[in-house]
Amino acid sequence: EKFKTLKNEGNDFVKKGKYEEAVNKYSECMKLNTEECTIYTNRALCYLKLCKYEEAKQDCDHVLQIEDSNIKAFYRRALAYKGLQVRKKNMAGI
């Protein structure tokens, strides 16, 4: 029950564009249940919005170990890789 409340609060923060706060809520959810894939893909979305690509990739990797056909995890991991590639290019250009 507490898990559901935290997840909903996290989702509300995402809708308001408050990604840092949402990450905190989803991280609290994970302490209660590590098997719930949507929490990881939701947190990955927040990390992408915050340009924390490595963290997003790790969350997606975790989901894909549990559920190897999770489309959201594949898609968000691809976005994370893309973000990391762009960052690497920008670093090389400096």
PDB file of N, CA and C in Angstrom:
ATOM      1  N   GLU A   1       0.839  -1.214   0.000  1.00  0.00           N
ATOM      2  CA  GLU A   1       0.000   0.000   0.000  1.00  0.00           C
ATOM      3  C   GLU A   1       0.870   1.258   0.000  1.00  0.00           C
ATOM      4  N   LYS A   2       1.880   1.255   0.852  1.00  0.00           N
ATOM      5  CA  LYS A   2       2.807   2.399   0.890  1.00  0.00           C
ATOM      6  C   LYS A   2       3.518   2.526  -0.464  1.00  0.00           C
ATOM      7  N   PHE A   3       3.846   1.369  -1.031  1.00  0.00           N
ATOM      8  CA  PHE A   3       4.494   1.321  -2.346  1.00  0.00           C
ATOM      9  C   PHE A   3       3.657   2.057  -3.387  1.00  0.00           C
ATOM     10  N   LYS A   4       2.356   1.727  -3.411  1.00  0.00           N
ATOM     11  CA  LYS A   4       1.436   2.338  -4.378  1.00  0.00           C
ATOM     12  C   LYS A   4       1.369   3.854  -4.193  1.00  0.00           C
ATOM     13  N   THR A   5       1.315   4.291  -2.950  1.00  0.00           N
ATOM     14  CA  THR A   5       1.265   5.731  -2.638  1.00  0.00           C
ATOM     15  C   THR A   5       2.522   6.432  -3.147  1.00  0.00           C
ATOM     16  N   LEU A   6       3.674   5.846  -2.848  1.00  0.00           N
ATOM     17  CA  LEU A   6       4.947   6.443  -3.288  1.00  0.00           C
ATOM     18  C   LEU A   6       5.027   6.499  -4.812  1.00  0.00           C
ATOM     19  N   LYS A   7       4.585   5.413  -5.455  1.00  0.00           N
ATOM     20  CA  LYS A   7       4.617   5.361  -6.919  1.00  0.00           C
ATOM     21  C   LYS A   7       3.725   6.463  -7.507  1.00  0.00           C
ATOM     22  N   ASN A   8       2.534   6.611  -6.949  1.00  0.00           N
ATOM     23  CA  ASN A   8       1.616   7.648  -7.432  1.00  0.00           C
ATOM     24  C   ASN A   8       2.172   9.044  -7.212  1.00  0.00           C
ATOM     25  N   GLU A   9       2.812   9.252  -6.062  1.00  0.00           N
ATOM     26  CA  GLU A   9       3.431  10.555  -5.793  1.00  0.00           C
ATOM     27  C   GLU A   9       4.541  10.827  -6.807  1.00  0.00           C
ATOM     28  N   GLY A  10       5.325   9.792  -7.094  1.00  0.00           N
ATOM     29  CA  GLY A  10       6.381   9.915  -8.100  1.00  0.00           C
ATOM     30  C   GLY A  10       5.808  10.280  -9.459  1.00  0.00           C
ATOM     31  N   ASN A  11       4.727   9.604  -9.845  1.00  0.00           N
ATOM     32  CA  ASN A  11       4.084   9.874 -11.134  1.00  0.00           C
ATOM     33  C   ASN A  11       3.562  11.311 -11.195  1.00  0.00           C
ATOM     34  N   ASP A  12       3.018  11.789 -10.070  1.00  0.00           N
ATOM     35  CA  ASP A  12       2.518  13.170 -10.026  1.00  0.00           C
ATOM     36  C   ASP A  12       3.659  14.163 -10.219  1.00  0.00           C
ATOM     37  N   PHE A  13       4.800  13.882  -9.599  1.00  0.00           N
ATOM     38  CA  PHE A  13       5.962  14.766  -9.764  1.00  0.00           C
ATOM     39  C   PHE A  13       6.411  14.803 -11.228  1.00  0.00           C
ATOM     40  N   VAL A  14       6.372  13.641 -11.887  1.00  0.00           N
ATOM     41  CA  VAL A  14       6.763  13.585 -13.306  1.00  0.00           C
ATOM     42  C   VAL A  14       5.843  14.481 -14.130  1.00  0.00           C
ATOM     43  N   LYS A  15       4.536  14.377 -13.873  1.00  0.00           N
ATOM     44  CA  LYS A  15       3.570  15.197 -14.619  1.00  0.00           C
ATOM     45  C   LYS A  15       3.836  16.688 -14.432  1.00  0.00           C
ATOM     46  N   LYS A  16       4.359  17.051 -13.260  1.00  0.00           N
ATOM     47  CA  LYS A  16       4.647  18.467 -12.975  1.00  0.00           C
ATOM     48  C   LYS A  16       6.051  18.865 -13.430  1.00  0.00           C
ATOM     49  N   GLY A  17       6.802  17.900 -13.975  1.00  0.00           N
ATOM     50  CA  GLY A  17       8.157  18.194 -14.428  1.00  0.00           C
ATOM     51  C   GLY A  17       9.168  18.269 -13.293  1.00  0.00           C
ATOM     52  N   LYS A  18       8.806  17.727 -12.128  1.00  0.00           N
ATOM     53  CA  LYS A  18       9.718  17.736 -10.971  1.00  0.00           C
ATOM     54  C   LYS A  18      10.433  16.386 -10.904  1.00  0.00           C
ATOM     55  N   TYR A  19      11.446  16.238 -11.766  1.00  0.00           N
ATOM     56  CA  TYR A  19      12.079  14.935 -11.949  1.00  0.00           C
ATOM     57  C   TYR A  19      12.950  14.506 -10.775  1.00  0.00           C
ATOM     58  N   GLU A  20      13.645  15.451 -10.136  1.00  0.00           N
ATOM     59  CA  GLU A  20      14.468  15.109  -8.968  1.00  0.00           C
ATOM     60  C   GLU A  20      13.590  14.506  -7.866  1.00  0.00           C
ATOM     61  N   GLU A  21      12.456  15.152  -7.603  1.00  0.00           N
ATOM     62  CA  GLU A  21      11.536  14.673  -6.560  1.00  0.00           C
ATOM     63  C   GLU A  21      10.977  13.297  -6.926  1.00  0.00           C
ATOM     64  N   ALA A  22      10.668  13.127  -8.212  1.00  0.00           N
ATOM     65  CA  ALA A  22      10.141  11.840  -8.676  1.00  0.00           C
ATOM     66  C   ALA A  22      11.173  10.738  -8.482  1.00  0.00           C
ATOM     67  N   VAL A  23      12.432  11.025  -8.800  1.00  0.00           N
ATOM     68  CA  VAL A  23      13.510  10.044  -8.607  1.00  0.00           C
ATOM     69  C   VAL A  23      13.548   9.595  -7.150  1.00  0.00           C
ATOM     70  N   ASN A  24      13.423  10.542  -6.225  1.00  0.00           N
ATOM     71  CA  ASN A  24      13.443  10.205  -4.795  1.00  0.00           C
ATOM     72  C   ASN A  24      12.295   9.269  -4.427  1.00  0.00           C
ATOM     73  N   LYS A  25      11.102   9.550  -4.949  1.00  0.00           N
ATOM     74  CA  LYS A  25       9.932   8.697  -4.652  1.00  0.00           C
ATOM     75  C   LYS A  25      10.127   7.291  -5.222  1.00  0.00           C
ATOM     76  N   TYR A  26      10.592   7.220  -6.479  1.00  0.00           N
ATOM     77  CA  TYR A  26      10.789   5.913  -7.098  1.00  0.00           C
ATOM     78  C   TYR A  26      11.880   5.126  -6.369  1.00  0.00           C
ATOM     79  N   SER A  27      12.917   5.835  -5.909  1.00  0.00           N
ATOM     80  CA  SER A  27      13.992   5.158  -5.172  1.00  0.00           C
ATOM     81  C   SER A  27      13.451   4.586  -3.860  1.00  0.00           C
ATOM     82  N   GLU A  28      12.556   5.313  -3.210  1.00  0.00           N
ATOM     83  CA  GLU A  28      11.917   4.802  -1.986  1.00  0.00           C
ATOM     84  C   GLU A  28      11.089   3.557  -2.303  1.00  0.00           C
ATOM     85  N   CYS A  29      10.388   3.576  -3.434  1.00  0.00           N
ATOM     86  CA  CYS A  29       9.602   2.408  -3.864  1.00  0.00           C
ATOM     87  C   CYS A  29      10.500   1.179  -3.988  1.00  0.00           C
ATOM     88  N   MET A  30      11.682   1.384  -4.524  1.00  0.00           N
ATOM     89  CA  MET A  30      12.599   0.266  -4.761  1.00  0.00           C
ATOM     90  C   MET A  30      13.037  -0.398  -3.465  1.00  0.00           C
ATOM     91  N   LYS A  31      13.064   0.370  -2.393  1.00  0.00           N
ATOM     92  CA  LYS A  31      13.422  -0.218  -1.095  1.00  0.00           C
ATOM     93  C   LYS A  31      12.337  -1.198  -0.647  1.00  0.00           C
ATOM     94  N   LEU A  32      11.105  -0.962  -1.101  1.00  0.00           N
ATOM     95  CA  LEU A  32       9.980  -1.816  -0.725  1.00  0.00           C
ATOM     96  C   LEU A  32       9.798  -2.987  -1.684  1.00  0.00           C
ATOM     97  N   ASN A  33      10.157  -2.775  -2.955  1.00  0.00           N
ATOM     98  CA  ASN A  33       9.944  -3.815  -3.969  1.00  0.00           C
ATOM     99  C   ASN A  33      10.933  -3.627  -5.114  1.00  0.00           C
ATOM    100  N   THR A  34      11.879  -4.551  -5.241  1.00  0.00           N
ATOM    101  CA  THR A  34      12.899  -4.433  -6.296  1.00  0.00           C
ATOM    102  C   THR A  34      12.475  -5.105  -7.593  1.00  0.00           C
ATOM    103  N   GLU A  35      11.356  -5.807  -7.570  1.00  0.00           N
ATOM    104  CA  GLU A  35      10.928  -6.571  -8.752  1.00  0.00           C
ATOM    105  C   GLU A  35       9.983  -5.800  -9.673  1.00  0.00           C
ATOM    106  N   GLU A  36       9.498  -4.659  -9.235  1.00  0.00           N
ATOM    107  CA  GLU A  36       8.509  -3.893 -10.009  1.00  0.00           C
ATOM    108  C   GLU A  36       9.225  -3.104 -11.113  1.00  0.00           C
ATOM    109  N   CYS A  37       9.114  -3.590 -12.340  1.00  0.00           N
ATOM    110  CA  CYS A  37       9.857  -3.002 -13.464  1.00  0.00           C
ATOM    111  C   CYS A  37       9.446  -1.571 -13.791  1.00  0.00           C
ATOM    112  N   THR A  38       8.163  -1.247 -13.627  1.00  0.00           N
ATOM    113  CA  THR A  38       7.714   0.097 -14.018  1.00  0.00           C
ATOM    114  C   THR A  38       8.413   1.184 -13.209  1.00  0.00           C
ATOM    115  N   ILE A  39       8.770   0.877 -11.964  1.00  0.00           N
ATOM    116  CA  ILE A  39       9.471   1.864 -11.141  1.00  0.00           C
ATOM    117  C   ILE A  39      10.815   2.211 -11.778  1.00  0.00           C
ATOM    118  N   TYR A  40      11.504   1.179 -12.259  1.00  0.00           N
ATOM    119  CA  TYR A  40      12.812   1.404 -12.878  1.00  0.00           C
ATOM    120  C   TYR A  40      12.703   2.159 -14.191  1.00  0.00           C
ATOM    121  N   THR A  41      11.701   1.797 -15.009  1.00  0.00           N
ATOM    122  CA  THR A  41      11.566   2.508 -16.291  1.00  0.00           C
ATOM    123  C   THR A  41      11.099   3.944 -16.056  1.00  0.00           C
ATOM    124  N   ASN A  42      10.273   4.152 -15.024  1.00  0.00           N
ATOM    125  CA  ASN A  42       9.853   5.521 -14.692  1.00  0.00           C
ATOM    126  C   ASN A  42      11.037   6.348 -14.212  1.00  0.00           C
ATOM    127  N   ARG A  43      11.865   5.741 -13.354  1.00  0.00           N
ATOM    128  CA  ARG A  43      13.029   6.474 -12.851  1.00  0.00           C
ATOM    129  C   ARG A  43      14.017   6.738 -13.989  1.00  0.00           C
ATOM    130  N   ALA A  44      14.127   5.777 -14.900  1.00  0.00           N
ATOM    131  CA  ALA A  44      15.006   5.972 -16.060  1.00  0.00           C
ATOM    132  C   ALA A  44      14.549   7.187 -16.875  1.00  0.00           C
ATOM    133  N   LEU A  45      13.239   7.328 -17.038  1.00  0.00           N
ATOM    134  CA  LEU A  45      12.693   8.492 -17.752  1.00  0.00           C
ATOM    135  C   LEU A  45      13.138   9.784 -17.058  1.00  0.00           C
ATOM    136  N   CYS A  46      13.034   9.814 -15.744  1.00  0.00           N
ATOM    137  CA  CYS A  46      13.446  11.005 -14.981  1.00  0.00           C
ATOM    138  C   CYS A  46      14.934  11.284 -15.182  1.00  0.00           C
ATOM    139  N   TYR A  47      15.728  10.225 -15.113  1.00  0.00           N
ATOM    140  CA  TYR A  47      17.171  10.400 -15.313  1.00  0.00           C
ATOM    141  C   TYR A  47      17.471  10.947 -16.701  1.00  0.00           C
ATOM    142  N   LEU A  48      16.734  10.481 -17.701  1.00  0.00           N
ATOM    143  CA  LEU A  48      16.929  10.999 -19.058  1.00  0.00           C
ATOM    144  C   LEU A  48      16.630  12.495 -19.099  1.00  0.00           C
ATOM    145  N   LYS A  49      15.535  12.896 -18.454  1.00  0.00           N
ATOM    146  CA  LYS A  49      15.156  14.309 -18.425  1.00  0.00           C
ATOM    147  C   LYS A  49      16.207  15.145 -17.707  1.00  0.00           C
ATOM    148  N   LEU A  50      16.899  14.525 -16.743  1.00  0.00           N
ATOM    149  CA  LEU A  50      17.929  15.217 -15.968  1.00  0.00           C
ATOM    150  C   LEU A  50      19.321  15.072 -16.599  1.00  0.00           C
ATOM    151  N   CYS A  51      19.368  14.445 -17.783  1.00  0.00           N
ATOM    152  CA  CYS A  51      20.632  14.190 -18.501  1.00  0.00           C
ATOM    153  C   CYS A  51      21.581  13.303 -17.700  1.00  0.00           C
ATOM    154  N   LYS A  52      21.017  12.430 -16.880  1.00  0.00           N
ATOM    155  CA  LYS A  52      21.831  11.452 -16.139  1.00  0.00           C
ATOM    156  C   LYS A  52      21.740  10.129 -16.890  1.00  0.00           C
ATOM    157  N   TYR A  53      22.461  10.071 -18.008  1.00  0.00           N
ATOM    158  CA  TYR A  53      22.302   8.955 -18.940  1.00  0.00           C
ATOM    159  C   TYR A  53      22.822   7.633 -18.390  1.00  0.00           C
ATOM    160  N   GLU A  54      23.929   7.682 -17.663  1.00  0.00           N
ATOM    161  CA  GLU A  54      24.505   6.451 -17.110  1.00  0.00           C
ATOM    162  C   GLU A  54      23.525   5.805 -16.129  1.00  0.00           C
ATOM    163  N   GLU A  55      22.900   6.624 -15.272  1.00  0.00           N
ATOM    164  CA  GLU A  55      21.923   6.108 -14.300  1.00  0.00           C
ATOM    165  C   GLU A  55      20.704   5.540 -15.022  1.00  0.00           C
ATOM    166  N   ALA A  56      20.266   6.239 -16.068  1.00  0.00           N
ATOM    167  CA  ALA A  56      19.115   5.760 -16.852  1.00  0.00           C
ATOM    168  C   ALA A  56      19.430   4.400 -17.461  1.00  0.00           C
ATOM    169  N   LYS A  57      20.630   4.279 -18.018  1.00  0.00           N
ATOM    170  CA  LYS A  57      21.045   3.025 -18.640  1.00  0.00           C
ATOM    171  C   LYS A  57      21.051   1.902 -17.609  1.00  0.00           C
ATOM    172  N   GLN A  58      21.559   2.168 -16.413  1.00  0.00           N
ATOM    173  CA  GLN A  58      21.624   1.144 -15.367  1.00  0.00           C
ATOM    174  C   GLN A  58      20.232   0.664 -14.971  1.00  0.00           C
ATOM    175  N   ASP A  59      19.288   1.605 -14.832  1.00  0.00           N
ATOM    176  CA  ASP A  59      17.913   1.209 -14.492  1.00  0.00           C
ATOM    177  C   ASP A  59      17.319   0.328 -15.591  1.00  0.00           C
ATOM    178  N   CYS A  60      17.557   0.693 -16.831  1.00  0.00           N
ATOM    179  CA  CYS A  60      17.025  -0.098 -17.952  1.00  0.00           C
ATOM    180  C   CYS A  60      17.686  -1.474 -18.009  1.00  0.00           C
ATOM    181  N   ASP A  61      18.996  -1.522 -17.770  1.00  0.00           N
ATOM    182  CA  ASP A  61      19.698  -2.816 -17.741  1.00  0.00           C
ATOM    183  C   ASP A  61      19.074  -3.725 -16.681  1.00  0.00           C
ATOM    184  N   HIS A  62      18.770  -3.142 -15.526  1.00  0.00           N
ATOM    185  CA  HIS A  62      18.171  -3.912 -14.436  1.00  0.00           C
ATOM    186  C   HIS A  62      16.830  -4.508 -14.878  1.00  0.00           C
ATOM    187  N   VAL A  63      15.992  -3.702 -15.502  1.00  0.00           N
ATOM    188  CA  VAL A  63      14.679  -4.172 -15.972  1.00  0.00           C
ATOM    189  C   VAL A  63      14.855  -5.301 -16.983  1.00  0.00           C
ATOM    190  N   LEU A  64      15.787  -5.125 -17.903  1.00  0.00           N
ATOM    191  CA  LEU A  64      15.965  -6.118 -18.967  1.00  0.00           C
ATOM    192  C   LEU A  64      16.520  -7.441 -18.436  1.00  0.00           C
ATOM    193  N   GLN A  65      17.158  -7.419 -17.265  1.00  0.00           N
ATOM    194  CA  GLN A  65      17.592  -8.683 -16.639  1.00  0.00           C
ATOM    195  C   GLN A  65      16.371  -9.447 -16.109  1.00  0.00           C
ATOM    196  N   ILE A  66      15.365  -8.709 -15.657  1.00  0.00           N
ATOM    197  CA  ILE A  66      14.156  -9.331 -15.108  1.00  0.00           C
ATOM    198  C   ILE A  66      13.180  -9.681 -16.234  1.00  0.00           C
ATOM    199  N   GLU A  67      13.017  -8.726 -17.151  1.00  0.00           N
ATOM    200  CA  GLU A  67      12.008  -8.823 -18.217  1.00  0.00           C
ATOM    201  C   GLU A  67      12.683  -8.473 -19.541  1.00  0.00           C
ATOM    202  N   ASP A  68      13.192  -9.488 -20.230  1.00  0.00           N
ATOM    203  CA  ASP A  68      14.045  -9.212 -21.391  1.00  0.00           C
ATOM    204  C   ASP A  68      13.319  -8.694 -22.632  1.00  0.00           C
ATOM    205  N   SER A  69      11.999  -8.520 -22.526  1.00  0.00           N
ATOM    206  CA  SER A  69      11.267  -7.990 -23.684  1.00  0.00           C
ATOM    207  C   SER A  69      10.545  -6.688 -23.342  1.00  0.00           C
ATOM    208  N   ASN A  70      10.990  -6.006 -22.299  1.00  0.00           N
ATOM    209  CA  ASN A  70      10.342  -4.768 -21.863  1.00  0.00           C
ATOM    210  C   ASN A  70      10.671  -3.651 -22.859  1.00  0.00           C
ATOM    211  N   ILE A  71       9.672  -3.245 -23.637  1.00  0.00           N
ATOM    212  CA  ILE A  71       9.863  -2.264 -24.709  1.00  0.00           C
ATOM    213  C   ILE A  71      10.313  -0.909 -24.165  1.00  0.00           C
ATOM    214  N   LYS A  72       9.682  -0.460 -23.079  1.00  0.00           N
ATOM    215  CA  LYS A  72      10.059   0.835 -22.499  1.00  0.00           C
ATOM    216  C   LYS A  72      11.519   0.845 -22.083  1.00  0.00           C
ATOM    217  N   ALA A  73      11.963  -0.244 -21.493  1.00  0.00           N
ATOM    218  CA  ALA A  73      13.358  -0.339 -21.050  1.00  0.00           C
ATOM    219  C   ALA A  73      14.301  -0.278 -22.250  1.00  0.00           C
ATOM    220  N   PHE A  74      13.972  -1.004 -23.324  1.00  0.00           N
ATOM    221  CA  PHE A  74      14.798  -0.966 -24.540  1.00  0.00           C
ATOM    222  C   PHE A  74      14.857   0.442 -25.110  1.00  0.00           C
ATOM    223  N   TYR A  75      13.698   1.071 -25.203  1.00  0.00           N
ATOM    224  CA  TYR A  75      13.605   2.412 -25.794  1.00  0.00           C
ATOM    225  C   TYR A  75      14.381   3.433 -24.956  1.00  0.00           C
ATOM    226  N   ARG A  76      14.169   3.409 -23.656  1.00  0.00           N
ATOM    227  CA  ARG A  76      14.835   4.393 -22.793  1.00  0.00           C
ATOM    228  C   ARG A  76      16.327   4.130 -22.698  1.00  0.00           C
ATOM    229  N   ARG A  77      16.710   2.852 -22.784  1.00  0.00           N
ATOM    230  CA  ARG A  77      18.148   2.559 -22.785  1.00  0.00           C
ATOM    231  C   ARG A  77      18.784   3.095 -24.064  1.00  0.00           C
ATOM    232  N   ALA A  78      18.067   2.974 -25.164  1.00  0.00           N
ATOM    233  CA  ALA A  78      18.577   3.520 -26.427  1.00  0.00           C
ATOM    234  C   ALA A  78      18.752   5.037 -26.311  1.00  0.00           C
ATOM    235  N   LEU A  79      17.791   5.712 -25.695  1.00  0.00           N
ATOM    236  CA  LEU A  79      17.907   7.160 -25.493  1.00  0.00           C
ATOM    237  C   LEU A  79      19.098   7.488 -24.595  1.00  0.00           C
ATOM    238  N   ALA A  80      19.327   6.660 -23.593  1.00  0.00           N
ATOM    239  CA  ALA A  80      20.468   6.871 -22.690  1.00  0.00           C
ATOM    240  C   ALA A  80      21.775   6.723 -23.460  1.00  0.00           C
ATOM    241  N   TYR A  81      21.861   5.674 -24.291  1.00  0.00           N
ATOM    242  CA  TYR A  81      23.068   5.485 -25.105  1.00  0.00           C
ATOM    243  C   TYR A  81      23.287   6.673 -26.029  1.00  0.00           C
ATOM    244  N   LYS A  82      22.197   7.143 -26.621  1.00  0.00           N
ATOM    245  CA  LYS A  82      22.279   8.298 -27.515  1.00  0.00           C
ATOM    246  C   LYS A  82      22.810   9.516 -26.750  1.00  0.00           C
ATOM    247  N   GLY A  83      22.296   9.743 -25.553  1.00  0.00           N
ATOM    248  CA  GLY A  83      22.747  10.853 -24.722  1.00  0.00           C
ATOM    249  C   GLY A  83      24.214  10.734 -24.372  1.00  0.00           C
ATOM    250  N   LEU A  84      24.645   9.510 -24.054  1.00  0.00           N
ATOM    251  CA  LEU A  84      26.061   9.285 -23.730  1.00  0.00           C
ATOM    252  C   LEU A  84      26.947   9.531 -24.950  1.00  0.00           C
ATOM    253  N   GLN A  85      26.474   9.133 -26.126  1.00  0.00           N
ATOM    254  CA  GLN A  85      27.240   9.348 -27.353  1.00  0.00           C
ATOM    255  C   GLN A  85      27.401  10.841 -27.639  1.00  0.00           C
ATOM    256  N   VAL A  86      26.301  11.582 -27.512  1.00  0.00           N
ATOM    257  CA  VAL A  86      26.323  13.031 -27.751  1.00  0.00           C
ATOM    258  C   VAL A  86      27.302  13.684 -26.786  1.00  0.00           C
ATOM    259  N   ARG A  87      27.224  13.287 -25.513  1.00  0.00           N
ATOM    260  CA  ARG A  87      28.114  13.848 -24.496  1.00  0.00           C
ATOM    261  C   ARG A  87      29.571  13.562 -24.844  1.00  0.00           C
ATOM    262  N   LYS A  88      29.832  12.325 -25.291  1.00  0.00           N
ATOM    263  CA  LYS A  88      31.209  11.946 -25.646  1.00  0.00           C
ATOM    264  C   LYS A  88      31.719  12.807 -26.809  1.00  0.00           C
ATOM    265  N   LYS A  89      30.850  13.010 -27.814  1.00  0.00           N
ATOM    266  CA  LYS A  89      31.223  13.853 -28.955  1.00  0.00           C
ATOM    267  C   LYS A  89      31.524  15.266 -28.514  1.00  0.00           C
ATOM    268  N   ASN A  90      30.663  15.808 -27.646  1.00  0.00           N
ATOM    269  CA  ASN A  90      30.865  17.171 -27.152  1.00  0.00           C
ATOM    270  C   ASN A  90      32.158  17.294 -26.371  1.00  0.00           C
ATOM    271  N   MET A  91      32.486  16.294 -25.593  1.00  0.00           N
ATOM    272  CA  MET A  91      33.726  16.290 -24.817  1.00  0.00           C
ATOM    273  C   MET A  91      34.923  16.261 -25.757  1.00  0.00           C
ATOM    274  N   ALA A  92      34.810  15.463 -26.807  1.00  0.00           N
ATOM    275  CA  ALA A  92      35.919  15.342 -27.768  1.00  0.00           C
ATOM    276  C   ALA A  92      36.151  16.654 -28.502  1.00  0.00           C
ATOM    277  N   GLY A  93      35.053  17.403 -28.678  1.00  0.00           N
ATOM    278  CA  GLY A  93      35.144  18.653 -29.414  1.00  0.00           C
ATOM    279  C   GLY A  93      35.748  19.798 -28.620  1.00  0.00           C
ATOM    280  N   ILE A  94      35.882  19.612 -27.312  1.00  0.00           N
ATOM    281  CA  ILE A  94      36.397  20.698 -26.460  1.00  0.00           C
ATOM    282  C   ILE A  94      37.900  20.770 -26.528  1.00  0.00           C
TER     283      ILE A  94
END
